[in-house]
Amino acid sequence: MSQPQLNPTNVPVRTSVSNRDVPWKRFLRNLSKNKAAVAGAIIVFIFAIIAIFAPYIAPQDPLHMEITNKLESPSAGHWLGTDDKGRDILSRIIYGSRISLTVGVLSTLLGATIGIVLGIVAGYYGRWVDSLLMRVCDVLLAFPGILLALAIVSVLGASTTNVIIAVAFFAVPTFARIVRGSTLSVKKLEYIDAIRAMGASDFRIIFKHILPNILSPIIVQATLYIASAIITASALSFLGMGTQPPDPEWGTMLSQGRSYIRQAPHITLFPGLVILMVVIGFNLFGDGLRDALDPKSKK
């Protein structure tokens, strides 16, 4: 791409601007400089690959029981040992990544979608709409996330689908407040007034001019919230209110192994370490995204 300039003889010439700082290149450069973010991205990528190709990676059927091999310590036949029913822990962890990541991603997407709509409506229209929606969000935020999720699952029933709904419900006010604040900042800009003066509809202004300019904080919050969603889902399963046995889910595995924590600590150790690694991965990656997308980081 090039731009015309005038030389001393007033003849337009073309000068190369190939070295211009393209936004997405600057973003990738800033992200790659953050070693912690790169490490988090690698962790997330590895677990995503494991979840996608679980049937081809898992050495055994996660539901296959061998009572004669129950509570077996890590060995060549079972790298991470077996549980109280003789099931291979490694295979159950691999298949459990599908459930945990699915819950984390879907609940975040659902909560973010609803929160974005409510936040934009509140920030753009203001007045009583803003007051009403924000007071509802304040009420929801007054409850600890795990207690609110427990209350919702208690009403709906224990299942993976209901866990997704419960975790997404708590995500709504968080995203709504972030989007509202960003919308208030963007709608005050002069070009929004110019577009409105040209006769653009509210729908066009919101989804073509405001939403694209507030995606950065949304992406960062979504990445960070996935980690919280995985922890909440695992906690619900640990309490018996989430994914039900015999489905392999990390929180359920922790719950089933707590009775054997002295006799066979590996049953709870490895699922706990996996949860820790995934949560750290998403948090590191989310922090790196926040730094890379921050305009103040540009030098």
Protein backbone atom coordinates (compact mmCIF):
# COMPACT_ATOMS: atom_id res chain seq x y z
CA MET A 1 0.00 0.00 0.00
CA SER A 2 1.33 3.50 -0.77
CA GLN A 3 0.46 7.15 -0.41
CA PRO A 4 1.00 10.04 -2.84
CA GLN A 5 3.39 12.83 -1.87
CA LEU A 6 4.56 15.96 -3.66
CA ASN A 7 8.21 16.21 -4.67
CA PRO A 8 9.97 19.57 -5.17
CA THR A 9 8.62 19.74 -8.75
CA ASN A 10 5.05 19.25 -7.46
CA VAL A 11 4.77 15.90 -9.23
CA PRO A 12 2.90 13.26 -7.20
CA VAL A 13 5.05 10.28 -6.31
CA ARG A 14 4.28 7.06 -4.43
CA THR A 15 6.09 6.23 -1.22
CA SER A 16 6.00 2.85 0.40
CA VAL A 17 4.42 2.49 3.80
CA SER A 18 4.88 -1.25 4.06
CA ASN A 19 6.46 -0.73 7.44
CA ARG A 20 3.37 0.92 8.84
CA ASP A 21 2.41 -0.40 12.26
CA VAL A 22 -0.64 -2.54 11.42
CA PRO A 23 -2.86 -3.01 14.54
CA TRP A 24 -3.02 -6.81 14.41
CA LYS A 25 0.74 -7.06 13.90
CA ARG A 26 1.29 -4.77 16.89
CA PHE A 27 -1.08 -6.94 18.92
CA LEU A 28 0.77 -10.15 18.04
CA ARG A 29 4.11 -8.50 18.74
CA ASN A 30 3.00 -7.30 22.16
CA LEU A 31 1.49 -10.69 22.96
CA SER A 32 4.60 -12.63 21.88
CA LYS A 33 6.78 -10.46 24.12
CA ASN A 34 4.78 -11.59 27.16
CA LYS A 35 6.32 -14.96 28.00
CA ALA A 36 3.68 -15.75 30.61
CA ALA A 37 0.91 -15.15 28.04
CA VAL A 38 2.65 -17.40 25.52
CA ALA A 39 2.96 -20.13 28.17
CA GLY A 40 -0.75 -19.75 29.01
CA ALA A 41 -1.69 -19.94 25.34
CA ILE A 42 0.34 -23.13 24.93
CA ILE A 43 -1.38 -24.72 27.93
CA VAL A 44 -4.83 -23.79 26.63
CA PHE A 45 -3.96 -25.03 23.14
CA ILE A 46 -2.69 -28.37 24.44
CA PHE A 47 -5.83 -29.02 26.48
CA ALA A 48 -8.03 -27.95 23.55
CA ILE A 49 -6.27 -30.49 21.32
CA ILE A 50 -6.64 -33.15 24.02
CA ALA A 51 -10.38 -32.45 24.29
CA ILE A 52 -10.92 -32.55 20.52
CA PHE A 53 -8.96 -35.76 19.92
CA ALA A 54 -9.81 -37.50 23.20
CA PRO A 55 -11.02 -40.75 21.54
CA TYR A 56 -7.69 -41.09 19.74
CA ILE A 57 -5.48 -40.08 22.67
CA ALA A 58 -7.08 -41.90 25.61
CA PRO A 59 -5.41 -45.29 26.13
CA GLN A 60 -8.58 -46.94 27.45
CA ASP A 61 -12.34 -46.55 27.68
CA PRO A 62 -12.95 -44.08 30.56
CA LEU A 63 -16.01 -46.06 31.67
CA HIS A 64 -14.41 -49.50 31.56
CA MET A 65 -14.17 -50.97 35.07
CA GLU A 66 -11.69 -53.58 36.29
CA ILE A 67 -12.47 -54.25 39.93
CA THR A 68 -9.39 -56.43 40.29
CA ASN A 69 -7.20 -53.41 39.47
CA LYS A 70 -8.94 -50.83 41.65
CA LEU A 71 -6.88 -48.24 43.52
CA GLU A 72 -3.79 -49.23 41.54
CA SER A 73 -0.88 -46.76 41.78
CA PRO A 74 0.64 -45.24 38.63
CA SER A 75 2.31 -47.96 36.56
CA ALA A 76 3.25 -48.87 33.00
CA GLY A 77 -0.24 -50.23 32.39
CA HIS A 78 -2.00 -47.23 33.96
CA TRP A 79 0.22 -44.15 33.83
CA LEU A 80 -1.85 -42.23 36.39
CA GLY A 81 -3.22 -45.26 38.20
CA THR A 82 -6.84 -46.40 38.60
CA ASP A 83 -9.74 -45.25 40.72
CA ASP A 84 -11.92 -47.11 43.21
CA LYS A 85 -13.68 -48.95 40.38
CA GLY A 86 -10.58 -49.86 38.43
CA ARG A 87 -11.08 -47.21 35.73
CA ASP A 88 -8.03 -45.67 34.10
CA ILE A 89 -7.53 -42.18 35.56
CA LEU A 90 -5.56 -40.84 32.59
CA SER A 91 -8.37 -41.77 30.18
CA ARG A 92 -10.97 -40.21 32.47
CA ILE A 93 -8.94 -36.99 32.74
CA ILE A 94 -8.58 -36.83 28.95
CA TYR A 95 -12.32 -37.31 28.38
CA GLY A 96 -13.07 -35.02 31.31
CA SER A 97 -11.33 -32.18 29.47
CA ARG A 98 -14.18 -32.29 26.96
CA ILE A 99 -16.81 -31.73 29.63
CA SER A 100 -14.91 -29.10 31.60
CA LEU A 101 -13.82 -27.04 28.59
CA THR A 102 -17.26 -27.32 27.01
CA VAL A 103 -18.93 -26.06 30.18
CA GLY A 104 -16.40 -23.24 30.51
CA VAL A 105 -16.65 -22.07 26.91
CA LEU A 106 -20.42 -22.47 26.41
CA SER A 107 -21.36 -20.84 29.72
CA THR A 108 -19.04 -17.92 28.95
CA LEU A 109 -20.45 -17.49 25.45
CA LEU A 110 -24.03 -17.62 26.71
CA GLY A 111 -23.42 -15.25 29.60
CA ALA A 112 -21.36 -12.88 27.44
CA THR A 113 -24.01 -12.72 24.71
CA ILE A 114 -26.79 -11.81 27.12
CA GLY A 115 -24.53 -9.45 29.08
CA ILE A 116 -23.38 -7.65 25.91
CA VAL A 117 -26.94 -7.01 24.79
CA LEU A 118 -28.03 -5.75 28.20
CA GLY A 119 -24.89 -3.65 28.66
CA ILE A 120 -25.16 -1.95 25.28
CA VAL A 121 -28.86 -1.23 25.76
CA ALA A 122 -28.22 0.23 29.22
CA GLY A 123 -25.23 2.30 28.14
CA TYR A 124 -26.69 3.56 24.87
CA TYR A 125 -30.21 4.47 25.97
CA GLY A 126 -29.46 5.38 29.59
CA ARG A 127 -32.17 6.89 31.83
CA TRP A 128 -34.61 4.47 33.42
CA VAL A 129 -33.46 1.56 31.25
CA ASP A 130 -29.92 1.97 32.53
CA SER A 131 -31.04 2.35 36.13
CA LEU A 132 -33.27 -0.72 36.02
CA LEU A 133 -30.77 -3.04 34.37
CA MET A 134 -27.87 -1.94 36.56
CA ARG A 135 -29.84 -2.36 39.77
CA VAL A 136 -30.68 -5.91 38.73
CA CYS A 137 -26.99 -6.52 38.04
CA ASP A 138 -26.08 -5.10 41.44
CA VAL A 139 -28.45 -7.52 43.14
CA LEU A 140 -26.97 -10.49 41.28
CA LEU A 141 -23.41 -9.40 42.02
CA ALA A 142 -24.25 -9.19 45.72
CA PHE A 143 -24.38 -13.01 45.83
CA PRO A 144 -21.18 -15.09 45.72
CA GLY A 145 -20.95 -16.89 42.38
CA ILE A 146 -20.90 -20.41 43.75
CA LEU A 147 -23.93 -19.79 45.99
CA LEU A 148 -25.93 -18.31 43.12
CA ALA A 149 -24.97 -21.24 40.88
CA LEU A 150 -25.94 -23.70 43.62
CA ALA A 151 -29.34 -22.06 44.01
CA ILE A 152 -30.01 -22.22 40.27
CA VAL A 153 -28.88 -25.84 39.91
CA SER A 154 -30.96 -26.79 42.97
CA VAL A 155 -34.04 -25.45 41.20
CA LEU A 156 -33.26 -26.81 37.74
CA GLY A 157 -31.72 -30.11 38.78
CA ALA A 158 -28.22 -31.56 38.64
CA SER A 159 -26.93 -31.98 35.09
CA THR A 160 -24.23 -30.63 32.80
CA THR A 161 -26.72 -28.52 30.86
CA ASN A 162 -28.06 -26.90 34.01
CA VAL A 163 -24.50 -26.19 35.20
CA ILE A 164 -23.88 -24.30 31.95
CA ILE A 165 -27.05 -22.27 32.51
CA ALA A 166 -26.18 -21.54 36.15
CA VAL A 167 -22.60 -20.46 35.42
CA ALA A 168 -23.75 -18.36 32.45
CA PHE A 169 -26.38 -16.64 34.59
CA PHE A 170 -23.74 -15.37 36.99
CA ALA A 171 -21.60 -14.16 34.06
CA VAL A 172 -24.34 -11.86 32.74
CA PRO A 173 -24.00 -8.97 35.25
CA THR A 174 -20.20 -8.97 34.96
CA PHE A 175 -20.25 -8.62 31.19
CA ALA A 176 -23.18 -6.18 31.31
CA ARG A 177 -21.30 -3.73 33.54
CA ILE A 178 -18.11 -3.92 31.48
CA VAL A 179 -19.99 -3.38 28.21
CA ARG A 180 -22.08 -0.57 29.68
CA GLY A 181 -18.99 1.35 30.78
CA SER A 182 -17.31 0.93 27.40
CA THR A 183 -20.50 1.93 25.58
CA LEU A 184 -20.80 5.13 27.63
CA SER A 185 -17.27 6.09 26.60
CA VAL A 186 -17.68 5.34 22.90
CA LYS A 187 -21.11 6.91 22.39
CA LYS A 188 -19.73 10.30 23.53
CA LEU A 189 -17.25 10.42 20.65
CA GLU A 190 -17.84 12.98 17.91
CA TYR A 191 -18.05 10.51 15.06
CA ILE A 192 -21.01 8.78 16.73
CA ASP A 193 -22.85 12.13 16.80
CA ALA A 194 -21.96 12.64 13.13
CA ILE A 195 -23.28 9.21 12.17
CA ARG A 196 -26.48 9.84 14.11
CA ALA A 197 -26.89 13.25 12.39
CA MET A 198 -26.63 11.50 9.03
CA GLY A 199 -29.73 9.49 9.89
CA ALA A 200 -28.23 6.16 10.93
CA SER A 201 -30.55 3.95 12.95
CA ASP A 202 -29.80 2.97 16.54
CA PHE A 203 -29.33 -0.64 15.45
CA ARG A 204 -26.70 0.35 12.89
CA ILE A 205 -24.88 2.63 15.32
CA ILE A 206 -24.81 -0.01 18.06
CA PHE A 207 -23.75 -3.06 16.07
CA LYS A 208 -21.60 -1.46 13.38
CA HIS A 209 -19.89 1.39 15.19
CA ILE A 210 -20.08 0.83 18.97
CA LEU A 211 -19.77 -2.94 19.39
CA PRO A 212 -16.63 -3.34 17.21
CA ASN A 213 -14.90 -0.65 19.28
CA ILE A 214 -15.56 -2.32 22.63
CA LEU A 215 -14.56 -5.88 21.74
CA SER A 216 -11.15 -5.72 23.44
CA PRO A 217 -12.38 -5.70 27.07
CA ILE A 218 -15.04 -8.26 26.17
CA ILE A 219 -12.45 -10.69 24.76
CA VAL A 220 -10.20 -10.27 27.77
CA GLN A 221 -13.04 -10.77 30.25
CA ALA A 222 -14.31 -13.82 28.35
CA THR A 223 -10.88 -15.47 28.45
CA LEU A 224 -10.53 -14.83 32.18
CA TYR A 225 -14.09 -15.93 32.93
CA ILE A 226 -13.59 -19.33 31.29
CA ALA A 227 -11.16 -20.14 34.11
CA SER A 228 -13.73 -19.10 36.73
CA ALA A 229 -16.42 -21.10 34.95
CA ILE A 230 -14.29 -24.26 35.01
CA ILE A 231 -13.64 -23.85 38.74
CA THR A 232 -17.33 -23.23 39.47
CA ALA A 233 -18.43 -26.20 37.36
CA SER A 234 -15.89 -28.46 39.07
CA ALA A 235 -17.06 -27.23 42.48
CA LEU A 236 -20.67 -28.00 41.63
CA SER A 237 -19.73 -31.49 40.43
CA PHE A 238 -17.67 -32.01 43.59
CA LEU A 239 -20.78 -31.21 45.64
CA GLY A 240 -22.86 -33.61 43.55
CA MET A 241 -24.81 -30.84 41.81
CA GLY A 242 -23.06 -30.92 38.44
CA THR A 243 -22.14 -33.64 35.96
CA GLN A 244 -23.32 -36.96 37.33
CA PRO A 245 -21.37 -40.24 37.50
CA PRO A 246 -20.23 -42.23 35.64
CA ASP A 247 -19.42 -39.39 33.21
CA PRO A 248 -15.75 -38.40 33.63
CA GLU A 249 -15.60 -34.85 34.96
CA TRP A 250 -12.72 -33.42 36.95
CA GLY A 251 -14.82 -32.19 39.88
CA THR A 252 -16.67 -35.51 40.05
CA MET A 253 -13.35 -37.37 40.06
CA LEU A 254 -12.19 -35.25 43.00
CA SER A 255 -15.38 -36.01 44.87
CA GLN A 256 -15.17 -39.75 44.27
CA GLY A 257 -11.53 -39.90 45.32
CA ARG A 258 -11.76 -37.97 48.58
CA SER A 259 -12.77 -41.14 50.49
CA TYR A 260 -9.47 -42.75 49.43
CA ILE A 261 -7.19 -39.75 49.82
CA ARG A 262 -5.00 -41.57 52.40
CA GLN A 263 -5.04 -44.94 50.73
CA ALA A 264 -4.73 -43.76 47.10
CA PRO A 265 -3.97 -40.01 46.92
CA HIS A 266 -3.34 -40.18 43.17
CA ILE A 267 -7.10 -40.38 42.56
CA THR A 268 -7.54 -36.77 43.67
CA LEU A 269 -4.02 -35.50 43.00
CA PHE A 270 -4.03 -35.72 39.21
CA PRO A 271 -7.52 -34.25 38.54
CA GLY A 272 -6.66 -31.43 40.94
CA LEU A 273 -3.40 -30.70 39.15
CA VAL A 274 -5.17 -30.66 35.78
CA ILE A 275 -7.75 -28.14 37.02
CA LEU A 276 -4.91 -26.01 38.40
CA MET A 277 -3.01 -26.10 35.10
CA VAL A 278 -6.02 -25.18 32.96
CA VAL A 279 -7.06 -22.32 35.22
CA ILE A 280 -3.52 -20.95 35.32
CA GLY A 281 -3.32 -21.25 31.53
CA PHE A 282 -6.46 -19.23 30.92
CA ASN A 283 -5.50 -16.62 33.53
CA LEU A 284 -2.02 -16.13 32.07
CA PHE A 285 -3.40 -15.92 28.54
CA GLY A 286 -6.15 -13.51 29.61
CA ASP A 287 -3.67 -11.24 31.37
CA GLY A 288 -1.50 -11.27 28.26
CA LEU A 289 -4.46 -10.36 26.05
CA ARG A 290 -5.31 -7.47 28.35
CA ASP A 291 -1.77 -6.11 28.12
CA ALA A 292 -1.55 -6.61 24.35
CA LEU A 293 -4.90 -4.98 23.65
CA ASP A 294 -4.23 -2.03 25.97
CA PRO A 295 -3.65 1.07 23.82
CA LYS A 296 -1.35 2.46 26.52
CA SER A 297 1.07 -0.37 25.88
CA LYS A 298 1.95 1.05 22.46
CA LYS A 299 5.38 2.56 22.38
